[in-house]
C-alpha atoms as a PDB file:
ATOM      1  CA  MET A   1    -135.754 157.705 251.315  1.00  0.00           C
ATOM      2  CA  GLY A   2    -135.993 160.081 248.403  1.00  0.00           C
ATOM      3  CA  ILE A   3    -138.765 161.897 246.567  1.00  0.00           C
ATOM      4  CA  ASN A   4    -139.146 159.189 243.904  1.00  0.00           C
ATOM      5  CA  ARG A   5    -139.119 156.187 246.230  1.00  0.00           C
ATOM      6  CA  GLU A   6    -142.527 154.719 247.067  1.00  0.00           C
ATOM      7  CA  SER A   7    -143.442 153.777 250.621  1.00  0.00           C
ATOM      8  CA  ASP A   8    -146.250 152.010 252.472  1.00  0.00           C
ATOM      9  CA  VAL A   9    -145.919 154.361 255.444  1.00  0.00           C
ATOM     10  CA  ALA A  10    -149.205 156.068 256.282  1.00  0.00           C
ATOM     11  CA  ALA A  11    -149.483 159.418 258.026  1.00  0.00           C
ATOM     12  CA  SER A  12    -152.015 162.152 258.565  1.00  0.00           C
ATOM     13  CA  LEU A  13    -151.298 165.760 257.721  1.00  0.00           C
ATOM     14  CA  GLN A  14    -152.876 168.817 259.293  1.00  0.00           C
ATOM     15  CA  ILE A  15    -152.139 172.422 258.378  1.00  0.00           C
ATOM     16  CA  GLY A  16    -153.355 175.471 260.242  1.00  0.00           C
ATOM     17  CA  PRO A  17    -152.519 178.631 262.163  1.00  0.00           C
ATOM     18  CA  THR A  18    -151.250 178.553 265.734  1.00  0.00           C
ATOM     19  CA  ASP A  19    -152.264 180.921 268.511  1.00  0.00           C
ATOM     20  CA  ARG A  20    -148.800 182.493 268.206  1.00  0.00           C
ATOM     21  CA  GLY A  21    -149.143 183.627 264.600  1.00  0.00           C
ATOM     22  CA  MET A  22    -147.256 180.734 263.069  1.00  0.00           C
ATOM     23  CA  VAL A  23    -148.394 178.257 260.428  1.00  0.00           C
ATOM     24  CA  ARG A  24    -148.123 174.674 261.650  1.00  0.00           C
ATOM     25  CA  ILE A  25    -147.755 171.628 259.442  1.00  0.00           C
ATOM     26  CA  TYR A  26    -148.449 168.685 261.721  1.00  0.00           C
ATOM     27  CA  VAL A  27    -147.539 165.172 260.592  1.00  0.00           C
ATOM     28  CA  GLU A  28    -148.655 162.180 262.626  1.00  0.00           C
ATOM     29  CA  GLY A  29    -147.905 158.568 261.831  1.00  0.00           C
ATOM     30  CA  GLU A  30    -147.176 155.305 263.534  1.00  0.00           C
ATOM     31  CA  GLY A  31    -144.937 156.232 266.451  1.00  0.00           C
ATOM     32  CA  ILE A  32    -144.269 159.808 265.361  1.00  0.00           C
ATOM     33  CA  GLU A  33    -145.744 163.254 265.908  1.00  0.00           C
ATOM     34  CA  LEU A  34    -143.983 166.004 264.021  1.00  0.00           C
ATOM     35  CA  PRO A  35    -145.132 169.613 264.493  1.00  0.00           C
ATOM     36  CA  LEU A  36    -143.393 171.967 262.057  1.00  0.00           C
ATOM     37  CA  ASP A  37    -143.940 175.693 262.676  1.00  0.00           C
ATOM     38  CA  PHE A  38    -143.232 178.358 260.059  1.00  0.00           C
ATOM     39  CA  GLU A  39    -143.435 182.128 259.895  1.00  0.00           C
ATOM     40  CA  PRO A  40    -146.234 183.196 257.514  1.00  0.00           C
ATOM     41  CA  ASP A  41    -143.719 184.282 254.829  1.00  0.00           C
ATOM     42  CA  GLU A  42    -141.971 180.910 255.043  1.00  0.00           C
ATOM     43  CA  ALA A  43    -145.328 179.137 254.745  1.00  0.00           C
ATOM     44  CA  ALA A  44    -146.138 181.208 251.642  1.00  0.00           C
ATOM     45  CA  GLU A  45    -142.855 180.084 250.058  1.00  0.00           C
ATOM     46  CA  ILE A  46    -143.722 176.460 250.860  1.00  0.00           C
ATOM     47  CA  ALA A  47    -147.143 176.952 249.258  1.00  0.00           C
ATOM     48  CA  GLU A  48    -145.505 178.353 246.102  1.00  0.00           C
ATOM     49  CA  GLU A  49    -143.159 175.343 245.959  1.00  0.00           C
ATOM     50  CA  LEU A  50    -146.114 173.002 246.406  1.00  0.00           C
ATOM     51  CA  LEU A  51    -148.016 174.674 243.557  1.00  0.00           C
ATOM     52  CA  ALA A  52    -144.931 174.447 241.313  1.00  0.00           C
ATOM     53  CA  ALA A  53    -144.601 170.735 242.153  1.00  0.00           C
ATOM     54  CA  ILE A  54    -148.280 170.198 241.298  1.00  0.00           C
ATOM     55  CA  GLU A  55    -147.810 171.780 237.883  1.00  0.00           C
ATOM     56  CA  ALA A  56    -144.660 169.737 237.237  1.00  0.00           C
ATOM     57  CA  ALA A  57    -146.450 166.522 238.250  1.00  0.00           C
ATOM     58  CA  ARG A  58    -149.349 167.346 235.929  1.00  0.00           C
ATOM     59  CA  ALA A  59    -146.868 167.835 233.088  1.00  0.00           C
ATOM     60  CA  VAL A  60    -145.402 164.371 233.714  1.00  0.00           C
ATOM     61  CA  GLY A  61    -148.806 162.675 233.976  1.00  0.00           C
ATOM     62  CA  PRO A  62    -149.626 159.315 235.554  1.00  0.00           C
ATOM     63  CA  ALA A  63    -147.014 156.559 235.760  1.00  0.00           C
ATOM     64  CA  GLY A  64    -144.249 158.886 234.592  1.00  0.00           C
ATOM     65  CA  GLN A  65    -145.766 159.344 231.125  1.00  0.00           C
ATOM     66  CA  PRO A  66    -145.939 162.825 229.582  1.00  0.00           C
ATOM     67  CA  SER A  67    -149.506 164.061 229.812  1.00  0.00           C
ATOM     68  CA  GLY A  68    -149.446 165.753 226.424  1.00  0.00           C
ATOM     69  CA  ARG A  69    -151.045 168.878 227.848  1.00  0.00           C
ATOM     70  CA  ARG A  70    -149.698 172.101 229.153  1.00  0.00           C
ATOM     71  CA  PRO A  71    -149.958 172.554 232.934  1.00  0.00           C
ATOM     72  CA  GLU A  72    -152.470 175.421 232.656  1.00  0.00           C
ATOM     73  CA  SER A  73    -154.596 173.961 229.872  1.00  0.00           C
ATOM     74  CA  ASP A  74    -157.235 172.631 232.287  1.00  0.00           C
ATOM     75  CA  GLY A  75    -159.425 175.691 231.749  1.00  0.00           C
ATOM     76  CA  ALA A  76    -158.378 177.382 234.973  1.00  0.00           C
ATOM     77  CA  PRO A  77    -157.048 180.923 234.772  1.00  0.00           C
ATOM     78  CA  PRO A  78    -153.277 181.311 235.130  1.00  0.00           C
ATOM     79  CA  ARG A  79    -152.107 181.509 238.723  1.00  0.00           C
ATOM     80  CA  ARG A  80    -150.535 184.728 239.898  1.00  0.00           C
ATOM     81  CA  LYS A  81    -147.936 185.131 242.601  1.00  0.00           C
ATOM     82  CA  PRO A  82    -149.299 186.798 245.709  1.00  0.00           C
ATOM     83  CA  ARG A  83    -148.120 190.359 246.328  1.00  0.00           C
ATOM     84  CA  ARG A  84    -146.026 190.887 249.415  1.00  0.00           C
END
């Protein structure tokens, strides 16, 4: 299965800190429990990738049609990268 292939599979997603200082992304679906633990820096990189994907999806618009607007033209201030 690839990024652009639709699926009827349903799953729940939980994200939060663990008691060991990790960030856990927990995916649970029919017959599967998948805990994914990341160091905080790794989780920050994932968050940056997610934000970039959001902006790219907004640029494409619904049903694969160009939205005709720039990703940051929704009135929100430009996003800044967090300092490390």
